[in-house]
Amino acid sequence: MKASLRTVRLTLTEPLRISRSTMSARDAVWLTVAHDGVTGHGEAVTSVYYGLDTAALQRLLAAAGTDLARFPGPESALAALRAGEWPAEGTAPAVTAAVEAALLDLAGKRADSPVHRLLGAAAPPAAATARTLGITSLAHAAAEARRLTASGFRILKVKAGSADPEDDIERVRVIRDAAPGARLLLDPNGAWTRARAEALLPRFADLGVEAVEQPLPPGDPEALGALARRSPLPVIADEDAVHLDDVRRLAGRVHGVNVKLAKCGGVHAALRIAEAVAGSGTALMLGCLTASSLGLAPAVHLADRARWADLDGHLLLAHDPWTGIGGADGVVRAGDRPGLGVREVTAHADVA
């Protein structure tokens, strides 16, 4: 197998502000793996939070791509990945996820099978996805809520963590008024103290919020579990639920864990997490980073396994250079074409 890379800039339609940062663009590195005239593709995106800039992703993906040459085909490489024999311990999860995605895409095309069928699902998964609303003005939040629900979105995820928590309360209130039939999720990205969370969660419950992601700073799963026991809303761990061991510690103690493939290490890592929480009372949320349809596609092939789907990263882009997973009407759908089921639709200039 031979590998090659392309780096592109993904620009958001509008800046996305969350409690710890504001983002208007990020780089994506595309990995293409070729074997016997067939190609598979995967994507990793830069992340300040995960410590991966463009140069680091290029270097790590290039090294992983070179290492693929020792495997006779994608099937053997995937078998080694499932067995934990490859890649090397300590490889960034986002890199493992991107390489695995390219291998799954390639293996599916070679087998003339969509990825979900390789993973044991007969029908293409589909799920209503949340659509994220950042920390923004009340007027803009209300207008976006009306626009999105008119387009078909039934779930809105509201970012929180403003310096003044009353701003968050009012934002949720105007969104609720603008979209009375929508299911609402809340995500402070770890911005609240325990005391603030305990004071605010009943108020958000009164506004009809369905669940809250990571209300407390990561690093104290005991505190998160204690909050979940008393919370009037389901508590979903995100930043505290990175690896399988993290999830095992939280299983049965929080109401959900947000599984992002770039965070846990890919599709098979996500399936191991799903197995670990089965029967524990902790449900799965499938999340994502802001990425193209190529980057989102592997998670969409798992979408029917989660209680909550938050797979809207491609919908935040001004121009998505790939297509094939839908979402503009509020529902993401895995394609029934071989592999990941996506195709490139826009030529992008490489980023220097």
Protein backbone atom coordinates (compact mmCIF):
# COMPACT_ATOMS: atom_id res chain seq x y z
CA MET A 1 0.00 0.00 0.00
CA LYS A 2 1.12 3.52 -0.79
CA ALA A 3 -0.01 6.63 1.03
CA SER A 4 -0.13 10.32 0.11
CA LEU A 5 -1.30 13.48 1.87
CA ARG A 6 -3.15 16.70 0.99
CA THR A 7 -3.71 19.60 3.35
CA VAL A 8 -6.66 21.96 2.92
CA ARG A 9 -8.20 24.85 4.82
CA LEU A 10 -11.77 24.42 6.05
CA THR A 11 -13.47 27.77 6.70
CA LEU A 12 -16.59 28.04 8.82
CA THR A 13 -19.67 29.92 7.63
CA GLU A 14 -19.36 32.06 10.76
CA PRO A 15 -17.01 31.97 13.76
CA LEU A 16 -18.01 29.42 16.39
CA ARG A 17 -17.56 30.70 19.93
CA ILE A 18 -17.49 28.28 22.85
CA SER A 19 -16.51 28.86 26.47
CA ARG A 20 -12.77 28.47 25.92
CA SER A 21 -12.19 29.74 22.37
CA THR A 22 -13.54 31.05 19.07
CA MET A 23 -12.80 29.25 15.81
CA SER A 24 -13.30 30.47 12.25
CA ALA A 25 -11.22 27.92 10.31
CA ARG A 26 -9.03 24.87 10.73
CA ASP A 27 -6.80 22.76 8.53
CA ALA A 28 -7.66 19.24 7.42
CA VAL A 29 -5.06 16.70 6.34
CA TRP A 30 -6.38 14.07 3.94
CA LEU A 31 -4.71 10.67 3.84
CA THR A 32 -5.11 8.64 0.66
CA VAL A 33 -4.10 4.97 0.69
CA ALA A 34 -3.78 3.21 -2.66
CA HIS A 35 -3.61 -0.55 -3.26
CA ASP A 36 -4.09 -2.51 -6.48
CA GLY A 37 -5.62 0.47 -8.25
CA VAL A 38 -8.16 1.25 -5.52
CA THR A 39 -7.94 4.23 -3.14
CA GLY A 40 -9.30 4.92 0.33
CA HIS A 41 -9.45 8.26 2.11
CA GLY A 42 -9.40 9.51 5.69
CA GLU A 43 -9.23 12.93 7.33
CA ALA A 44 -7.70 14.43 10.47
CA VAL A 45 -8.24 18.05 11.48
CA THR A 46 -6.09 20.37 13.54
CA SER A 47 -7.07 20.98 17.16
CA VAL A 48 -5.55 23.36 19.66
CA TYR A 49 -7.31 21.50 22.49
CA TYR A 50 -5.76 18.16 21.46
CA GLY A 51 -2.38 19.74 20.72
CA LEU A 52 -2.36 18.91 17.00
CA ASP A 53 -1.30 21.63 14.61
CA THR A 54 -0.92 21.25 10.85
CA ALA A 55 2.77 20.33 10.93
CA ALA A 56 2.23 17.68 13.60
CA LEU A 57 -0.63 16.06 11.69
CA GLN A 58 1.35 16.04 8.46
CA ARG A 59 4.36 14.46 10.17
CA LEU A 60 2.36 11.84 12.08
CA LEU A 61 0.16 10.86 9.15
CA ALA A 62 3.16 10.66 6.82
CA ALA A 63 4.90 8.30 9.25
CA ALA A 64 1.80 6.14 9.61
CA GLY A 65 1.33 6.07 5.86
CA THR A 66 4.91 4.93 5.34
CA ASP A 67 4.41 2.18 7.94
CA LEU A 68 1.41 0.84 6.01
CA ALA A 69 3.78 -0.44 3.32
CA ARG A 70 4.60 -3.44 5.50
CA PHE A 71 1.04 -4.78 5.27
CA PRO A 72 -0.06 -6.81 2.25
CA GLY A 73 -3.43 -5.03 2.15
CA PRO A 74 -5.94 -2.98 4.13
CA GLU A 75 -7.58 -6.05 5.60
CA SER A 76 -4.41 -7.17 7.37
CA ALA A 77 -3.71 -3.63 8.58
CA LEU A 78 -7.23 -3.40 10.02
CA ALA A 79 -6.79 -6.76 11.72
CA ALA A 80 -3.59 -5.53 13.35
CA LEU A 81 -5.35 -2.35 14.44
CA ARG A 82 -8.25 -4.29 15.98
CA ALA A 83 -5.80 -6.53 17.82
CA GLY A 84 -3.95 -3.54 19.26
CA GLU A 85 -0.76 -4.50 17.44
CA TRP A 86 -0.68 -1.36 15.31
CA PRO A 87 -0.15 1.60 15.27
CA ALA A 88 2.45 2.09 17.97
CA GLU A 89 1.31 2.89 21.48
CA GLY A 90 1.12 6.63 22.01
CA THR A 91 0.01 7.45 18.47
CA ALA A 92 -2.38 10.41 18.56
CA PRO A 93 -5.98 9.09 18.49
CA ALA A 94 -6.91 11.50 15.69
CA VAL A 95 -4.14 10.01 13.54
CA THR A 96 -5.22 6.44 14.29
CA ALA A 97 -8.82 7.39 13.44
CA ALA A 98 -7.85 8.94 10.11
CA VAL A 99 -5.68 5.99 9.08
CA GLU A 100 -8.40 3.54 10.09
CA ALA A 101 -10.95 5.53 8.09
CA ALA A 102 -8.81 5.34 4.95
CA LEU A 103 -8.32 1.61 5.45
CA LEU A 104 -12.05 1.01 5.99
CA ASP A 105 -12.83 3.05 2.89
CA LEU A 106 -10.30 1.05 0.89
CA ALA A 107 -11.40 -2.33 2.29
CA GLY A 108 -15.05 -1.53 1.64
CA LYS A 109 -14.37 -0.60 -1.96
CA ARG A 110 -12.35 -3.77 -2.46
CA ALA A 111 -15.21 -5.83 -1.03
CA ASP A 112 -17.86 -3.78 -2.90
CA SER A 113 -19.45 -3.12 0.49
CA PRO A 114 -20.31 0.02 2.48
CA VAL A 115 -18.44 0.39 5.76
CA HIS A 116 -21.54 -0.11 7.92
CA ARG A 117 -21.96 -3.57 6.38
CA LEU A 118 -18.35 -4.40 7.20
CA LEU A 119 -19.22 -3.45 10.78
CA GLY A 120 -22.26 -5.73 10.92
CA ALA A 121 -25.16 -3.39 10.08
CA ALA A 122 -27.31 -4.48 7.14
CA ALA A 123 -29.11 -1.18 6.52
CA PRO A 124 -27.46 2.23 6.10
CA PRO A 125 -27.61 3.99 9.50
CA ALA A 126 -29.44 7.30 9.73
CA ALA A 127 -29.93 9.59 12.71
CA ALA A 128 -31.32 13.00 13.57
CA THR A 129 -28.30 15.13 14.36
CA ALA A 130 -28.01 18.02 16.74
CA ARG A 131 -27.06 21.35 15.19
CA THR A 132 -24.72 23.54 17.22
CA LEU A 133 -25.44 27.14 18.14
CA GLY A 134 -22.42 28.97 19.51
CA ILE A 135 -22.26 31.68 22.15
CA THR A 136 -23.75 34.56 20.21
CA SER A 137 -26.24 37.40 20.48
CA LEU A 138 -29.80 36.67 21.51
CA ALA A 139 -31.20 37.96 18.23
CA HIS A 140 -28.86 35.83 16.14
CA ALA A 141 -29.50 32.74 18.30
CA ALA A 142 -33.25 33.12 17.88
CA ALA A 143 -32.98 33.69 14.12
CA GLU A 144 -30.75 30.64 13.70
CA ALA A 145 -33.09 28.49 15.78
CA ARG A 146 -36.02 29.46 13.57
CA ARG A 147 -34.02 28.90 10.38
CA LEU A 148 -32.69 25.51 11.43
CA THR A 149 -36.00 24.10 12.64
CA ALA A 150 -37.66 25.31 9.44
CA SER A 151 -35.00 23.30 7.56
CA GLY A 152 -35.90 20.14 9.49
CA PHE A 153 -33.58 20.12 12.53
CA ARG A 154 -35.26 18.67 15.60
CA ILE A 155 -32.27 18.87 17.97
CA LEU A 156 -30.33 22.04 18.78
CA LYS A 157 -27.14 22.05 20.86
CA VAL A 158 -26.52 25.34 22.62
CA LYS A 159 -23.01 26.29 23.67
CA ALA A 160 -22.78 27.83 27.15
CA GLY A 161 -20.13 29.12 29.52
CA SER A 162 -20.44 32.89 29.17
CA ALA A 163 -18.78 34.98 31.86
CA ASP A 164 -22.27 35.96 33.01
CA PRO A 165 -24.39 32.79 33.29
CA GLU A 166 -27.54 34.88 32.87
CA ASP A 167 -26.47 35.35 29.25
CA ASP A 168 -26.65 31.58 28.79
CA ILE A 169 -30.04 31.39 30.48
CA GLU A 170 -31.43 34.11 28.22
CA ARG A 171 -29.93 32.53 25.09
CA VAL A 172 -31.61 29.22 25.86
CA ARG A 173 -34.84 31.04 26.66
CA VAL A 174 -34.98 32.84 23.31
CA ILE A 175 -34.02 29.65 21.45
CA ARG A 176 -36.80 27.80 23.25
CA ASP A 177 -39.27 30.54 22.31
CA ALA A 178 -38.09 30.55 18.68
CA ALA A 179 -38.11 26.73 18.39
CA PRO A 180 -40.69 25.44 20.87
CA GLY A 181 -40.74 21.93 19.41
CA ALA A 182 -36.97 21.39 19.31
CA ARG A 183 -35.05 19.13 21.66
CA LEU A 184 -32.33 21.17 23.36
CA LEU A 185 -28.88 20.02 24.49
CA LEU A 186 -26.48 22.25 26.43
CA ASP A 187 -22.68 22.25 26.31
CA PRO A 188 -20.59 24.51 28.60
CA ASN A 189 -17.35 22.71 27.60
CA GLY A 190 -16.28 22.38 31.23
CA ALA A 191 -16.75 26.06 32.08
CA TRP A 192 -18.70 25.82 35.34
CA THR A 193 -17.71 25.31 38.94
CA ARG A 194 -19.60 22.67 40.85
CA ALA A 195 -21.56 25.33 42.76
CA ARG A 196 -22.51 27.15 39.54
CA ALA A 197 -23.59 23.92 37.87
CA GLU A 198 -25.78 22.96 40.82
CA ALA A 199 -27.42 26.41 40.73
CA LEU A 200 -27.93 26.54 36.97
CA LEU A 201 -29.01 23.02 36.01
CA PRO A 202 -32.49 23.26 37.59
CA ARG A 203 -33.09 26.50 35.69
CA PHE A 204 -32.09 24.94 32.40
CA ALA A 205 -34.28 21.93 33.20
CA ASP A 206 -37.21 24.31 33.64
CA LEU A 207 -36.49 25.64 30.13
CA GLY A 208 -36.79 22.15 28.72
CA VAL A 209 -33.13 21.32 28.17
CA GLU A 210 -32.82 17.57 27.61
CA ALA A 211 -29.20 16.96 28.70
CA VAL A 212 -25.96 18.77 29.50
CA GLU A 213 -22.45 17.91 28.28
CA GLN A 214 -19.39 18.25 30.48
CA PRO A 215 -20.58 21.01 32.84
CA LEU A 216 -17.44 20.78 35.01
CA PRO A 217 -13.76 21.17 34.08
CA PRO A 218 -12.21 17.85 33.05
CA GLY A 219 -9.87 16.05 35.42
CA ASP A 220 -12.21 15.21 38.31
CA PRO A 221 -14.53 12.39 37.22
CA GLU A 222 -15.54 11.88 40.85
CA ALA A 223 -17.02 15.38 40.93
CA LEU A 224 -18.75 14.82 37.59
CA GLY A 225 -20.28 11.59 38.83
CA ALA A 226 -21.43 13.24 42.06
CA LEU A 227 -23.05 16.06 40.08
CA ALA A 228 -24.77 13.56 37.80
CA ARG A 229 -26.35 11.81 40.81
CA ARG A 230 -28.09 15.01 41.86
CA SER A 231 -28.66 16.64 38.49
CA PRO A 232 -32.21 17.23 37.25
CA LEU A 233 -30.78 16.76 33.74
CA PRO A 234 -28.84 13.83 32.27
CA VAL A 235 -25.09 14.58 32.43
CA ILE A 236 -22.93 13.53 29.46
CA ALA A 237 -19.16 13.31 29.89
CA ASP A 238 -17.07 14.63 27.00
CA GLU A 239 -13.65 16.02 27.90
CA ASP A 240 -13.53 13.58 30.84
CA ALA A 241 -14.28 10.61 28.55
CA VAL A 242 -11.32 10.31 26.21
CA HIS A 243 -10.05 6.74 26.33
CA LEU A 244 -11.64 3.38 27.10
CA ASP A 245 -10.27 3.43 30.66
CA ASP A 246 -11.89 6.85 31.24
CA VAL A 247 -15.24 5.50 30.07
CA ARG A 248 -14.96 2.41 32.25
CA ARG A 249 -14.47 4.65 35.28
CA LEU A 250 -17.54 6.70 34.34
CA ALA A 251 -19.86 3.86 33.25
CA GLY A 252 -22.93 3.80 35.45
CA ARG A 253 -21.98 7.10 37.09
CA VAL A 254 -22.95 9.55 34.34
CA HIS A 255 -25.91 9.37 32.01
CA GLY A 256 -23.89 9.46 28.80
CA VAL A 257 -20.44 9.64 27.24
CA ASN A 258 -19.65 11.63 24.12
CA VAL A 259 -17.62 9.45 21.77
CA LYS A 260 -15.65 11.35 19.14
CA LEU A 261 -13.57 9.18 16.83
CA ALA A 262 -10.73 11.72 16.78
CA LYS A 263 -10.70 11.62 20.56
CA CYS A 264 -10.93 7.87 21.20
CA GLY A 265 -8.98 6.56 18.19
CA GLY A 266 -11.51 5.58 15.57
CA VAL A 267 -14.40 3.28 14.75
CA HIS A 268 -13.17 0.14 16.49
CA ALA A 269 -12.20 2.09 19.60
CA ALA A 270 -15.73 3.52 19.62
CA LEU A 271 -17.19 0.03 19.33
CA ARG A 272 -15.14 -1.09 22.33
CA ILE A 273 -16.48 1.88 24.29
CA ALA A 274 -20.03 0.95 23.29
CA GLU A 275 -19.43 -2.58 24.56
CA ALA A 276 -17.97 -1.25 27.83
CA VAL A 277 -21.03 0.86 28.68
CA ALA A 278 -23.67 -1.61 27.50
CA GLY A 279 -26.09 -2.35 30.33
CA SER A 280 -24.47 0.18 32.69
CA GLY A 281 -27.13 2.87 32.38
CA THR A 282 -24.68 5.12 30.54
CA ALA A 283 -25.76 5.88 26.98
CA LEU A 284 -23.68 6.81 23.95
CA MET A 285 -23.50 10.18 22.28
CA LEU A 286 -21.67 10.32 18.96
CA GLY A 287 -19.91 13.66 18.59
CA CYS A 288 -17.44 15.21 16.19
CA LEU A 289 -15.01 18.00 15.51
CA THR A 290 -15.67 20.56 12.82
CA ALA A 291 -14.57 18.66 9.73
CA SER A 292 -15.64 17.78 6.20
CA SER A 293 -18.07 15.05 5.21
CA LEU A 294 -15.03 12.81 4.76
CA GLY A 295 -14.07 13.34 8.40
CA LEU A 296 -17.64 12.78 9.62
CA ALA A 297 -18.43 9.73 7.48
CA PRO A 298 -16.93 7.00 9.72
CA ALA A 299 -19.05 8.14 12.68
CA VAL A 300 -22.19 8.31 10.53
CA HIS A 301 -21.73 4.59 9.79
CA LEU A 302 -22.18 4.09 13.57
CA ALA A 303 -25.03 6.59 13.99
CA ASP A 304 -27.74 4.06 14.80
CA ARG A 305 -25.81 2.84 17.86
CA ALA A 306 -26.10 6.12 19.82
CA ARG A 307 -28.85 7.72 21.89
CA TRP A 308 -27.70 11.19 20.83
CA ALA A 309 -26.03 12.11 17.53
CA ASP A 310 -24.09 15.37 17.27
CA LEU A 311 -22.65 14.95 13.79
CA ASP A 312 -22.95 18.41 12.32
CA GLY A 313 -19.30 19.42 11.90
CA HIS A 314 -19.55 19.46 8.09
CA LEU A 315 -22.67 21.62 8.28
CA LEU A 316 -20.73 24.45 9.93
CA LEU A 317 -18.47 24.88 6.90
CA ALA A 318 -18.80 27.60 4.29
CA HIS A 319 -17.88 24.99 1.67
CA ASP A 320 -17.76 21.26 2.32
CA PRO A 321 -15.32 19.72 -0.17
CA TRP A 322 -16.89 16.25 0.22
CA THR A 323 -20.47 15.00 0.00
CA GLY A 324 -22.36 11.82 0.77
CA ILE A 325 -23.70 11.92 4.35
CA GLY A 326 -26.51 14.48 4.07
CA GLY A 327 -27.48 16.45 7.17
CA ALA A 328 -28.87 19.67 5.68
CA ASP A 329 -32.38 18.52 6.62
CA GLY A 330 -31.33 17.53 10.15
CA VAL A 331 -30.67 13.86 9.39
CA VAL A 332 -27.29 12.32 8.60
CA ARG A 333 -27.30 9.13 6.55
CA ALA A 334 -24.58 6.64 5.72
CA GLY A 335 -24.30 6.03 2.03
CA ASP A 336 -24.87 2.59 0.51
CA ARG A 337 -21.96 3.02 -1.90
CA PRO A 338 -18.83 0.92 -1.27
CA GLY A 339 -16.46 2.21 1.40
CA LEU A 340 -17.31 5.36 3.34
CA GLY A 341 -19.72 6.42 0.61
CA VAL A 342 -18.39 9.95 0.17
CA ARG A 343 -16.86 11.69 -2.81
CA GLU A 344 -14.85 14.85 -3.30
CA VAL A 345 -16.78 17.63 -4.98
CA THR A 346 -14.53 20.70 -4.72
CA ALA A 347 -10.90 21.18 -5.60
CA HIS A 348 -8.95 22.94 -2.85
CA ALA A 349 -5.53 24.46 -3.00
CA ASP A 350 -3.03 22.82 -0.72
CA VAL A 351 -2.07 24.82 2.35
CA ALA A 352 1.61 25.65 2.48
